[in-house]
Amino acid sequence: MSEIINNKKAKTADEAWKIQNFYNGKPHGWIQWKGTNVCMDIHCKCGESSHIDASFAYFFKCNHCNTVYMLNGHIEMIELEVEPDSGVVSEN
């Protein structure tokens, strides 16, 4: 069963870093920005959806409601029972 996403709120970026989910003991990935661009669809709490293409996207500000978000670098990994035919990467 999927976990319900709760809106988290922090006063500062440092505080947001402390309350983010680090997925300790769970499968996860961590995005390490190395001068590369990200293409990302954003869905704000106000209902506005946006798309960004940017480098070093650590924070996002909604143009509709002006809410500022820290973009957590952790990504969820969901185990698959069947390997897809394409698009699978592994360590080099």
Protein backbone atom coordinates (compact mmCIF):
# COMPACT_ATOMS: atom_id res chain seq x y z
CA MET A 1 0.00 0.00 0.00
CA SER A 2 1.32 3.43 -0.85
CA GLU A 3 2.23 5.99 1.77
CA ILE A 4 0.22 9.23 1.94
CA ILE A 5 2.30 12.30 1.12
CA ASN A 6 2.02 14.91 3.86
CA ASN A 7 2.86 18.55 3.22
CA LYS A 8 5.91 19.45 5.27
CA LYS A 9 6.73 23.05 6.15
CA ALA A 10 9.95 24.57 7.48
CA LYS A 11 10.98 28.14 8.22
CA THR A 12 14.44 27.91 6.62
CA ALA A 13 16.38 25.68 4.21
CA ASP A 14 18.44 24.37 7.14
CA GLU A 15 15.27 23.40 8.99
CA ALA A 16 13.88 21.76 5.83
CA TRP A 17 17.08 19.71 5.50
CA LYS A 18 16.56 18.38 9.03
CA ILE A 19 12.92 17.31 8.49
CA GLN A 20 13.25 15.73 5.05
CA ASN A 21 12.84 11.99 4.75
CA PHE A 22 16.32 10.45 4.50
CA TYR A 23 14.92 6.94 3.84
CA ASN A 24 17.38 5.47 6.39
CA GLY A 25 17.37 1.71 6.13
CA LYS A 26 15.14 1.83 3.01
CA PRO A 27 16.08 1.60 -0.68
CA HIS A 28 16.55 5.09 -2.11
CA GLY A 29 18.65 7.21 -4.43
CA TRP A 30 20.27 10.59 -3.98
CA ILE A 31 20.54 13.13 -6.79
CA GLN A 32 24.04 14.62 -6.90
CA TRP A 33 24.02 17.76 -9.04
CA LYS A 34 27.17 17.89 -11.17
CA GLY A 35 26.39 20.80 -13.46
CA THR A 36 23.67 18.86 -15.24
CA ASN A 37 20.20 20.07 -16.12
CA VAL A 38 17.04 18.67 -14.63
CA CYS A 39 13.72 18.47 -16.41
CA MET A 40 11.03 18.36 -13.72
CA ASP A 41 7.25 18.57 -13.45
CA ILE A 42 6.24 20.37 -10.25
CA HIS A 43 2.89 20.07 -8.47
CA CYS A 44 2.25 22.75 -5.82
CA LYS A 45 -0.06 22.52 -2.81
CA CYS A 46 -2.18 25.28 -4.40
CA GLY A 47 -3.01 22.97 -7.29
CA GLU A 48 -0.78 24.72 -9.83
CA SER A 49 1.39 22.48 -12.02
CA SER A 50 4.60 23.74 -13.58
CA HIS A 51 7.55 22.47 -15.57
CA ILE A 52 11.16 23.51 -15.06
CA ASP A 53 14.39 22.91 -16.94
CA ALA A 54 17.24 24.11 -14.74
CA SER A 55 20.69 23.38 -13.33
CA PHE A 56 21.24 23.02 -9.59
CA ALA A 57 17.52 23.03 -8.74
CA TYR A 58 17.71 23.13 -4.96
CA PHE A 59 14.65 25.33 -4.42
CA PHE A 60 11.45 26.08 -6.34
CA LYS A 61 9.08 29.06 -6.07
CA CYS A 62 5.51 28.68 -7.35
CA ASN A 63 4.59 31.53 -9.67
CA HIS A 64 0.93 31.17 -8.71
CA CYS A 65 0.99 31.31 -4.88
CA ASN A 66 4.66 32.25 -4.21
CA THR A 67 5.26 29.22 -1.96
CA VAL A 68 8.97 28.32 -1.86
CA TYR A 69 9.99 24.66 -1.60
CA MET A 70 13.27 22.90 -0.90
CA LEU A 71 13.66 20.15 -3.53
CA ASN A 72 14.71 17.04 -1.64
CA GLY A 73 17.49 15.22 -3.48
CA HIS A 74 16.30 11.82 -2.28
CA ILE A 75 14.31 9.73 -4.72
CA GLU A 76 12.17 6.73 -3.94
CA MET A 77 13.19 3.32 -5.28
CA ILE A 78 10.38 0.81 -5.80
CA GLU A 79 11.51 -2.80 -6.19
CA LEU A 80 10.28 -4.54 -9.34
CA GLU A 81 9.60 -8.26 -9.65
CA VAL A 82 9.96 -8.15 -13.45
CA GLU A 83 12.89 -6.31 -15.11
CA PRO A 84 11.82 -3.91 -17.90
CA ASP A 85 13.06 -4.62 -21.43
CA SER A 86 14.86 -1.25 -21.69
CA GLY A 87 15.98 1.78 -19.68
CA VAL A 88 17.69 -0.20 -16.90
CA VAL A 89 20.99 1.23 -15.59
CA SER A 90 23.50 -0.22 -13.16
CA GLU A 91 26.84 0.71 -11.58
CA ASN A 92 29.81 1.13 -13.90
